[in-house]
Amino acid sequence: MNHRQKKVLRYILIPILTLIVTSGILYIGGKPIHSIVLADIKYTIVKGSPTYHYSEDMVSQSDTSDGNLEQGEVKIPDIGIQYAELISDRFDSAIPIYYGDSEKELQKGVGQYIGSYLPGEGKGILIGGHDTTFFESLDQLQANDKISIRTSYGEYTYQVKKAEIHKADDYNAYDLEADTEQLILYTCYPIGKIITNRQERYYVYCDKIDGPTIVKEPTND
């Protein structure tokens, strides 16, 4: 083999070998890199979200020693405002709850569907979040686990009852008008998979076990 043939062979083999080695490294290290990137994204979002403070505008000063609040004393939050925190031993830290569930809210925390009810109103509370950030551990919740929602007008405790998987367009997956207060948390399924247009949702259903009740004002008939 003459010098020219060796030179041509070198130009062909070196790029091929480089491609093979690089592909192997990316394949082996892809998952850790993916996890690191997601962790960095989550850290940036959490770091950039506002610190939670109890808002004096959310509730009037009142005596809640009997465990009740008058409906007129609790104001509905403005859309896009953080009004509470979601707390569980299964989560790394307290998760900010925003009123509204558009992408704007979900970039900063979890979002409550505004067609659902506030904690204490005795009906369904529907809260969603991204499975790659704030609800990445949602499937770690187990039956009988305790979850708290801390608001400006009181702290509420819920107990996990069950988890279910439903189609994204299955609106029978929850009943917001049920006679008992239920906290419903959901995210995309399969959890943690970078797949576009996922057609299923992972739901966690929790029953209220403690917290002040918002009492409806009597009507003048």
C-alpha atoms as a PDB file:
ATOM      1  CA  MET A   1       0.000   0.000   0.000  1.00  0.00           C
ATOM      2  CA  ASN A   2       1.581   3.271  -1.118  1.00  0.00           C
ATOM      3  CA  HIS A   3       1.582   6.546   0.783  1.00  0.00           C
ATOM      4  CA  ARG A   4      -1.346   7.985  -1.158  1.00  0.00           C
ATOM      5  CA  GLN A   5      -3.533   4.939  -0.486  1.00  0.00           C
ATOM      6  CA  LYS A   6      -2.707   5.101   3.221  1.00  0.00           C
ATOM      7  CA  LYS A   7      -3.623   8.784   3.277  1.00  0.00           C
ATOM      8  CA  VAL A   8      -7.001   8.186   1.586  1.00  0.00           C
ATOM      9  CA  LEU A   9      -7.730   5.261   3.899  1.00  0.00           C
ATOM     10  CA  ARG A  10      -6.908   7.401   6.921  1.00  0.00           C
ATOM     11  CA  TYR A  11      -9.322  10.122   5.793  1.00  0.00           C
ATOM     12  CA  ILE A  12     -12.097   7.536   5.425  1.00  0.00           C
ATOM     13  CA  LEU A  13     -11.526   5.447   8.551  1.00  0.00           C
ATOM     14  CA  ILE A  14     -10.926   8.229  11.088  1.00  0.00           C
ATOM     15  CA  PRO A  15     -14.325   9.946  10.564  1.00  0.00           C
ATOM     16  CA  ILE A  16     -16.113   6.569  10.663  1.00  0.00           C
ATOM     17  CA  LEU A  17     -14.386   5.509  13.888  1.00  0.00           C
ATOM     18  CA  THR A  18     -15.054   8.925  15.428  1.00  0.00           C
ATOM     19  CA  LEU A  19     -18.746   8.636  14.555  1.00  0.00           C
ATOM     20  CA  ILE A  20     -18.989   5.153  16.102  1.00  0.00           C
ATOM     21  CA  VAL A  21     -17.263   6.197  19.337  1.00  0.00           C
ATOM     22  CA  THR A  22     -19.329   9.385  19.651  1.00  0.00           C
ATOM     23  CA  SER A  23     -22.580   7.484  19.070  1.00  0.00           C
ATOM     24  CA  GLY A  24     -21.638   4.980  21.760  1.00  0.00           C
ATOM     25  CA  ILE A  25     -20.877   7.712  24.279  1.00  0.00           C
ATOM     26  CA  LEU A  26     -24.163   9.480  23.577  1.00  0.00           C
ATOM     27  CA  TYR A  27     -26.110   6.224  23.841  1.00  0.00           C
ATOM     28  CA  ILE A  28     -24.536   5.251  27.163  1.00  0.00           C
ATOM     29  CA  GLY A  29     -24.615   8.715  28.654  1.00  0.00           C
ATOM     30  CA  GLY A  30     -27.866   9.896  27.140  1.00  0.00           C
ATOM     31  CA  LYS A  31     -30.086   9.104  30.108  1.00  0.00           C
ATOM     32  CA  PRO A  32     -27.872  10.828  32.708  1.00  0.00           C
ATOM     33  CA  ILE A  33     -27.536  13.863  30.434  1.00  0.00           C
ATOM     34  CA  HIS A  34     -31.309  13.927  29.969  1.00  0.00           C
ATOM     35  CA  SER A  35     -31.811  13.773  33.752  1.00  0.00           C
ATOM     36  CA  ILE A  36     -29.283  16.538  34.353  1.00  0.00           C
ATOM     37  CA  VAL A  37     -30.946  18.792  31.779  1.00  0.00           C
ATOM     38  CA  LEU A  38     -34.389  18.239  33.331  1.00  0.00           C
ATOM     39  CA  ALA A  39     -32.991  18.892  36.804  1.00  0.00           C
ATOM     40  CA  ASP A  40     -31.420  22.145  35.613  1.00  0.00           C
ATOM     41  CA  ILE A  41     -34.697  23.222  34.017  1.00  0.00           C
ATOM     42  CA  LYS A  42     -36.606  22.464  37.214  1.00  0.00           C
ATOM     43  CA  TYR A  43     -34.041  24.304  39.350  1.00  0.00           C
ATOM     44  CA  THR A  44     -34.247  27.358  37.107  1.00  0.00           C
ATOM     45  CA  ILE A  45     -38.047  27.395  37.233  1.00  0.00           C
ATOM     46  CA  VAL A  46     -38.200  26.940  41.014  1.00  0.00           C
ATOM     47  CA  LYS A  47     -35.503  29.540  41.580  1.00  0.00           C
ATOM     48  CA  GLY A  48     -37.353  32.003  39.394  1.00  0.00           C
ATOM     49  CA  SER A  49     -40.761  31.527  41.026  1.00  0.00           C
ATOM     50  CA  PRO A  50     -41.861  34.059  43.637  1.00  0.00           C
ATOM     51  CA  THR A  51     -41.595  33.303  47.337  1.00  0.00           C
ATOM     52  CA  TYR A  52     -44.985  32.454  48.789  1.00  0.00           C
ATOM     53  CA  HIS A  53     -46.501  34.957  51.191  1.00  0.00           C
ATOM     54  CA  TYR A  54     -49.917  34.875  52.787  1.00  0.00           C
ATOM     55  CA  SER A  55     -51.993  37.528  51.077  1.00  0.00           C
ATOM     56  CA  GLU A  56     -54.037  39.750  53.350  1.00  0.00           C
ATOM     57  CA  ASP A  57     -56.333  40.397  50.392  1.00  0.00           C
ATOM     58  CA  MET A  58     -57.323  36.734  50.204  1.00  0.00           C
ATOM     59  CA  VAL A  59     -59.224  36.589  53.497  1.00  0.00           C
ATOM     60  CA  SER A  60     -60.755  39.014  55.963  1.00  0.00           C
ATOM     61  CA  GLN A  61     -59.718  38.829  59.591  1.00  0.00           C
ATOM     62  CA  SER A  62     -62.165  36.501  61.338  1.00  0.00           C
ATOM     63  CA  ASP A  63     -62.508  33.990  64.144  1.00  0.00           C
ATOM     64  CA  THR A  64     -62.027  30.461  62.787  1.00  0.00           C
ATOM     65  CA  SER A  65     -61.994  28.734  66.175  1.00  0.00           C
ATOM     66  CA  ASP A  66     -65.155  26.821  65.231  1.00  0.00           C
ATOM     67  CA  GLY A  67     -63.482  25.532  62.065  1.00  0.00           C
ATOM     68  CA  ASN A  68     -65.695  27.564  59.756  1.00  0.00           C
ATOM     69  CA  LEU A  69     -65.303  30.591  57.501  1.00  0.00           C
ATOM     70  CA  GLU A  70     -68.048  32.699  55.994  1.00  0.00           C
ATOM     71  CA  GLN A  71     -68.071  32.487  52.204  1.00  0.00           C
ATOM     72  CA  GLY A  72     -67.868  36.262  51.915  1.00  0.00           C
ATOM     73  CA  GLU A  73     -64.648  36.289  53.929  1.00  0.00           C
ATOM     74  CA  VAL A  74     -62.678  34.320  51.335  1.00  0.00           C
ATOM     75  CA  LYS A  75     -61.968  35.994  48.015  1.00  0.00           C
ATOM     76  CA  ILE A  76     -61.434  34.091  44.773  1.00  0.00           C
ATOM     77  CA  PRO A  77     -57.820  34.618  43.634  1.00  0.00           C
ATOM     78  CA  ASP A  78     -57.029  36.487  40.448  1.00  0.00           C
ATOM     79  CA  ILE A  79     -55.953  34.277  37.553  1.00  0.00           C
ATOM     80  CA  GLY A  80     -52.196  33.820  37.499  1.00  0.00           C
ATOM     81  CA  ILE A  81     -51.763  34.515  41.219  1.00  0.00           C
ATOM     82  CA  GLN A  82     -50.097  32.046  43.568  1.00  0.00           C
ATOM     83  CA  TYR A  83     -52.536  31.544  46.420  1.00  0.00           C
ATOM     84  CA  ALA A  84     -51.313  28.368  48.138  1.00  0.00           C
ATOM     85  CA  GLU A  85     -48.643  25.698  48.519  1.00  0.00           C
ATOM     86  CA  LEU A  86     -48.905  21.936  48.022  1.00  0.00           C
ATOM     87  CA  ILE A  87     -46.954  19.931  50.597  1.00  0.00           C
ATOM     88  CA  SER A  88     -46.133  16.218  50.780  1.00  0.00           C
ATOM     89  CA  ASP A  89     -43.268  14.104  52.079  1.00  0.00           C
ATOM     90  CA  ARG A  90     -43.092  12.609  48.577  1.00  0.00           C
ATOM     91  CA  PHE A  91     -42.162  15.975  47.057  1.00  0.00           C
ATOM     92  CA  ASP A  92     -38.714  17.535  47.339  1.00  0.00           C
ATOM     93  CA  SER A  93     -40.173  20.837  48.527  1.00  0.00           C
ATOM     94  CA  ALA A  94     -43.414  22.769  48.803  1.00  0.00           C
ATOM     95  CA  ILE A  95     -44.956  23.319  45.364  1.00  0.00           C
ATOM     96  CA  PRO A  96     -46.540  26.696  44.544  1.00  0.00           C
ATOM     97  CA  ILE A  97     -50.200  26.517  43.502  1.00  0.00           C
ATOM     98  CA  TYR A  98     -51.400  29.102  40.986  1.00  0.00           C
ATOM     99  CA  TYR A  99     -54.987  29.953  40.177  1.00  0.00           C
ATOM    100  CA  GLY A 100     -55.294  29.014  36.522  1.00  0.00           C
ATOM    101  CA  ASP A 101     -53.748  26.171  34.558  1.00  0.00           C
ATOM    102  CA  SER A 102     -52.375  27.759  31.403  1.00  0.00           C
ATOM    103  CA  GLU A 103     -48.782  27.180  30.346  1.00  0.00           C
ATOM    104  CA  LYS A 104     -47.847  30.460  32.018  1.00  0.00           C
ATOM    105  CA  GLU A 105     -48.873  29.113  35.434  1.00  0.00           C
ATOM    106  CA  LEU A 106     -47.462  25.633  34.824  1.00  0.00           C
ATOM    107  CA  GLN A 107     -44.022  27.065  34.107  1.00  0.00           C
ATOM    108  CA  LYS A 108     -43.914  28.428  37.663  1.00  0.00           C
ATOM    109  CA  GLY A 109     -45.713  25.732  39.649  1.00  0.00           C
ATOM    110  CA  VAL A 110     -48.887  23.668  39.471  1.00  0.00           C
ATOM    111  CA  GLY A 111     -52.160  25.192  38.336  1.00  0.00           C
ATOM    112  CA  GLN A 112     -55.720  24.909  39.553  1.00  0.00           C
ATOM    113  CA  TYR A 113     -58.481  24.651  36.986  1.00  0.00           C
ATOM    114  CA  ILE A 114     -60.599  27.759  37.615  1.00  0.00           C
ATOM    115  CA  GLY A 115     -63.790  25.772  37.043  1.00  0.00           C
ATOM    116  CA  SER A 116     -63.058  23.801  40.211  1.00  0.00           C
ATOM    117  CA  TYR A 117     -63.495  24.880  43.828  1.00  0.00           C
ATOM    118  CA  LEU A 118     -61.244  26.367  46.478  1.00  0.00           C
ATOM    119  CA  PRO A 119     -60.072  24.298  49.448  1.00  0.00           C
ATOM    120  CA  GLY A 120     -62.791  24.392  52.093  1.00  0.00           C
ATOM    121  CA  GLU A 121     -65.735  24.804  49.708  1.00  0.00           C
ATOM    122  CA  GLY A 122     -66.645  21.129  49.986  1.00  0.00           C
ATOM    123  CA  LYS A 123     -66.363  20.226  46.298  1.00  0.00           C
ATOM    124  CA  GLY A 124     -63.752  19.066  43.785  1.00  0.00           C
ATOM    125  CA  ILE A 125     -60.354  20.778  43.504  1.00  0.00           C
ATOM    126  CA  LEU A 126     -58.589  19.991  40.218  1.00  0.00           C
ATOM    127  CA  ILE A 127     -54.853  20.735  40.050  1.00  0.00           C
ATOM    128  CA  GLY A 128     -52.498  19.832  37.207  1.00  0.00           C
ATOM    129  CA  GLY A 129     -48.758  20.071  36.670  1.00  0.00           C
ATOM    130  CA  HIS A 130     -45.988  19.017  34.304  1.00  0.00           C
ATOM    131  CA  ASP A 131     -44.579  15.534  34.870  1.00  0.00           C
ATOM    132  CA  THR A 132     -41.029  16.643  34.056  1.00  0.00           C
ATOM    133  CA  THR A 133     -40.922  19.359  36.718  1.00  0.00           C
ATOM    134  CA  PHE A 134     -43.234  19.863  39.694  1.00  0.00           C
ATOM    135  CA  PHE A 135     -45.288  16.663  39.350  1.00  0.00           C
ATOM    136  CA  GLU A 136     -42.419  14.374  38.397  1.00  0.00           C
ATOM    137  CA  SER A 137     -42.991  12.433  41.649  1.00  0.00           C
ATOM    138  CA  LEU A 138     -46.779  12.306  41.459  1.00  0.00           C
ATOM    139  CA  ASP A 139     -46.769   8.552  40.884  1.00  0.00           C
ATOM    140  CA  GLN A 140     -44.785   8.107  44.117  1.00  0.00           C
ATOM    141  CA  LEU A 141     -47.836   8.994  46.203  1.00  0.00           C
ATOM    142  CA  GLN A 142     -49.284   5.953  47.943  1.00  0.00           C
ATOM    143  CA  ALA A 143     -52.713   5.191  49.395  1.00  0.00           C
ATOM    144  CA  ASN A 144     -53.175   6.821  52.837  1.00  0.00           C
ATOM    145  CA  ASP A 145     -50.367   9.357  52.261  1.00  0.00           C
ATOM    146  CA  LYS A 146     -51.142  12.817  53.619  1.00  0.00           C
ATOM    147  CA  ILE A 147     -51.054  15.926  51.415  1.00  0.00           C
ATOM    148  CA  SER A 148     -51.512  19.486  52.650  1.00  0.00           C
ATOM    149  CA  ILE A 149     -52.624  22.668  50.946  1.00  0.00           C
ATOM    150  CA  ARG A 150     -51.535  25.778  52.828  1.00  0.00           C
ATOM    151  CA  THR A 151     -53.577  28.863  51.976  1.00  0.00           C
ATOM    152  CA  SER A 152     -53.799  32.331  53.465  1.00  0.00           C
ATOM    153  CA  TYR A 153     -57.082  31.423  55.158  1.00  0.00           C
ATOM    154  CA  GLY A 154     -56.142  28.026  56.566  1.00  0.00           C
ATOM    155  CA  GLU A 155     -54.301  24.750  56.095  1.00  0.00           C
ATOM    156  CA  TYR A 156     -56.033  21.715  54.625  1.00  0.00           C
ATOM    157  CA  THR A 157     -55.050  18.069  54.904  1.00  0.00           C
ATOM    158  CA  TYR A 158     -56.055  15.383  52.423  1.00  0.00           C
ATOM    159  CA  GLN A 159     -55.492  11.636  52.370  1.00  0.00           C
ATOM    160  CA  VAL A 160     -54.618   9.783  49.183  1.00  0.00           C
ATOM    161  CA  LYS A 161     -57.380   7.364  48.275  1.00  0.00           C
ATOM    162  CA  LYS A 162     -56.320   5.963  44.905  1.00  0.00           C
ATOM    163  CA  ALA A 163     -54.586   6.622  41.581  1.00  0.00           C
ATOM    164  CA  GLU A 164     -56.002   5.959  38.129  1.00  0.00           C
ATOM    165  CA  ILE A 165     -55.047   6.383  34.476  1.00  0.00           C
ATOM    166  CA  HIS A 166     -57.588   7.874  32.083  1.00  0.00           C
ATOM    167  CA  LYS A 167     -57.703   9.162  28.540  1.00  0.00           C
ATOM    168  CA  ALA A 168     -56.883  12.845  28.218  1.00  0.00           C
ATOM    169  CA  ASP A 169     -60.387  13.625  26.954  1.00  0.00           C
ATOM    170  CA  ASP A 170     -62.208  11.513  29.569  1.00  0.00           C
ATOM    171  CA  TYR A 171     -64.086  14.151  31.541  1.00  0.00           C
ATOM    172  CA  ASN A 172     -65.749  11.439  33.603  1.00  0.00           C
ATOM    173  CA  ALA A 173     -62.383  10.932  35.309  1.00  0.00           C
ATOM    174  CA  TYR A 174     -63.449  13.441  37.957  1.00  0.00           C
ATOM    175  CA  ASP A 175     -66.616  14.908  39.452  1.00  0.00           C
ATOM    176  CA  LEU A 176     -66.148  18.476  40.609  1.00  0.00           C
ATOM    177  CA  GLU A 177     -69.727  18.678  41.885  1.00  0.00           C
ATOM    178  CA  ALA A 178     -69.560  15.683  44.234  1.00  0.00           C
ATOM    179  CA  ASP A 179     -71.007  16.158  47.722  1.00  0.00           C
ATOM    180  CA  THR A 180     -67.658  15.605  49.447  1.00  0.00           C
ATOM    181  CA  GLU A 181     -64.474  17.640  49.092  1.00  0.00           C
ATOM    182  CA  GLN A 182     -61.865  15.875  46.999  1.00  0.00           C
ATOM    183  CA  LEU A 183     -58.427  17.004  45.865  1.00  0.00           C
ATOM    184  CA  ILE A 184     -57.619  15.697  42.383  1.00  0.00           C
ATOM    185  CA  LEU A 185     -54.041  15.934  41.115  1.00  0.00           C
ATOM    186  CA  TYR A 186     -53.092  14.989  37.568  1.00  0.00           C
ATOM    187  CA  THR A 187     -50.283  15.003  35.034  1.00  0.00           C
ATOM    188  CA  CYS A 188     -49.394  13.514  31.655  1.00  0.00           C
ATOM    189  CA  TYR A 189     -48.832   9.767  31.374  1.00  0.00           C
ATOM    190  CA  PRO A 190     -46.470   7.923  30.969  1.00  0.00           C
ATOM    191  CA  ILE A 191     -44.718  10.103  33.539  1.00  0.00           C
ATOM    192  CA  GLY A 192     -41.264  11.374  32.655  1.00  0.00           C
ATOM    193  CA  LYS A 193     -41.374  10.282  29.021  1.00  0.00           C
ATOM    194  CA  ILE A 194     -40.416  12.860  26.407  1.00  0.00           C
ATOM    195  CA  ILE A 195     -43.248  11.962  24.061  1.00  0.00           C
ATOM    196  CA  THR A 196     -45.334  14.512  22.225  1.00  0.00           C
ATOM    197  CA  ASN A 197     -49.110  14.352  22.225  1.00  0.00           C
ATOM    198  CA  ARG A 198     -49.540  11.865  25.075  1.00  0.00           C
ATOM    199  CA  GLN A 199     -53.117  10.650  25.163  1.00  0.00           C
ATOM    200  CA  GLU A 200     -53.392   9.600  28.820  1.00  0.00           C
ATOM    201  CA  ARG A 201     -53.407  11.307  32.207  1.00  0.00           C
ATOM    202  CA  TYR A 202     -52.371  10.066  35.645  1.00  0.00           C
ATOM    203  CA  TYR A 203     -54.832  11.043  38.397  1.00  0.00           C
ATOM    204  CA  VAL A 204     -54.419  10.944  42.176  1.00  0.00           C
ATOM    205  CA  TYR A 205     -57.614  11.254  44.226  1.00  0.00           C
ATOM    206  CA  CYS A 206     -57.441  12.544  47.809  1.00  0.00           C
ATOM    207  CA  ASP A 207     -60.199  12.992  50.399  1.00  0.00           C
ATOM    208  CA  LYS A 208     -60.288  15.930  52.797  1.00  0.00           C
ATOM    209  CA  ILE A 209     -59.680  15.004  56.434  1.00  0.00           C
ATOM    210  CA  ASP A 210     -58.980  18.384  58.050  1.00  0.00           C
ATOM    211  CA  GLY A 211     -59.251  22.140  57.492  1.00  0.00           C
ATOM    212  CA  PRO A 212     -61.758  24.979  57.961  1.00  0.00           C
ATOM    213  CA  THR A 213     -65.039  24.804  56.071  1.00  0.00           C
ATOM    214  CA  ILE A 214     -66.220  27.749  54.002  1.00  0.00           C
ATOM    215  CA  VAL A 215     -69.875  28.174  54.919  1.00  0.00           C
ATOM    216  CA  LYS A 216     -72.284  29.565  52.348  1.00  0.00           C
ATOM    217  CA  GLU A 217     -74.025  32.758  53.315  1.00  0.00           C
ATOM    218  CA  PRO A 218     -77.769  32.331  53.882  1.00  0.00           C
ATOM    219  CA  THR A 219     -79.953  33.579  51.054  1.00  0.00           C
ATOM    220  CA  ASN A 220     -82.787  35.999  51.708  1.00  0.00           C
ATOM    221  CA  ASP A 221     -85.810  34.299  50.177  1.00  0.00           C
END
